[in-house]
Amino acid sequence: MSRQKILAGNWKMNFGAAEALGYFSAIEELIPAAIPGTYRVIFPPAYCLGQDVQKAAANASMLLGAQNVHWEEKGAFTGELSGSVLKANGITWVLIAHSERRQFFGESDTSACKRLKKSMELGLNIIFCVGETLAEREANQTEAVLKRQIEPFTTVYKDLKNSYTGVCSIAYEPVWAIGTGKTATP
């Protein structure tokens, strides 16, 4: 099985649409468009997923993804994003269980797997995030935390992999490394 690389950037809650357009007009100078076997994906805030930003991203040979996705198609879920609506609007990549969603918004392993299941059923391309906090790292709980986060993912993935048509990856980004300049070792 060959693996493709994913070069992804999460804009978090930075950039408005005008800034996003400016970014994409300059990106070719920063990152070559042709990196064989590599998906180049940007995850901007949801308000930057409109047609104008999609066109600018496509012109820069970049793909766009959503920073979150809900497990229901529709309903009373203020602030959530429907996977089927994302897909219908040309957004085919999603982040699931980013550490900030886990840390600040109560994303649980259970809800993360519900998001994973729905996204796989829709054929969305997925980056499923895992990582430990500094306290967990200092308590030598890294492996236990990662195992807890990955095991339910593995169960869902095994159940749906034969019918799944997208790209699914696990991204390790420890909470203690976000915005600190520190990086995890391989």
Foldseek 3Di string as FASTA:
>chain_A
DDAAAEAEEEPDADDAQVVLLVCLVPCCVVDPLDDPRYAAEYAYAPNNLDPVSCVSCVVSNHAYAHAAAFLDQDDDDPPHHHLVVCVVRPHQEYEFPAVCCVVPVVDDLVRSLSRVLSSQVVLGAYEYEFAEEPVCVVVVNTVVRRCRNCVSVVVSCVVRVVPGDHHYYYDYDHPHCPPPVDDDDD
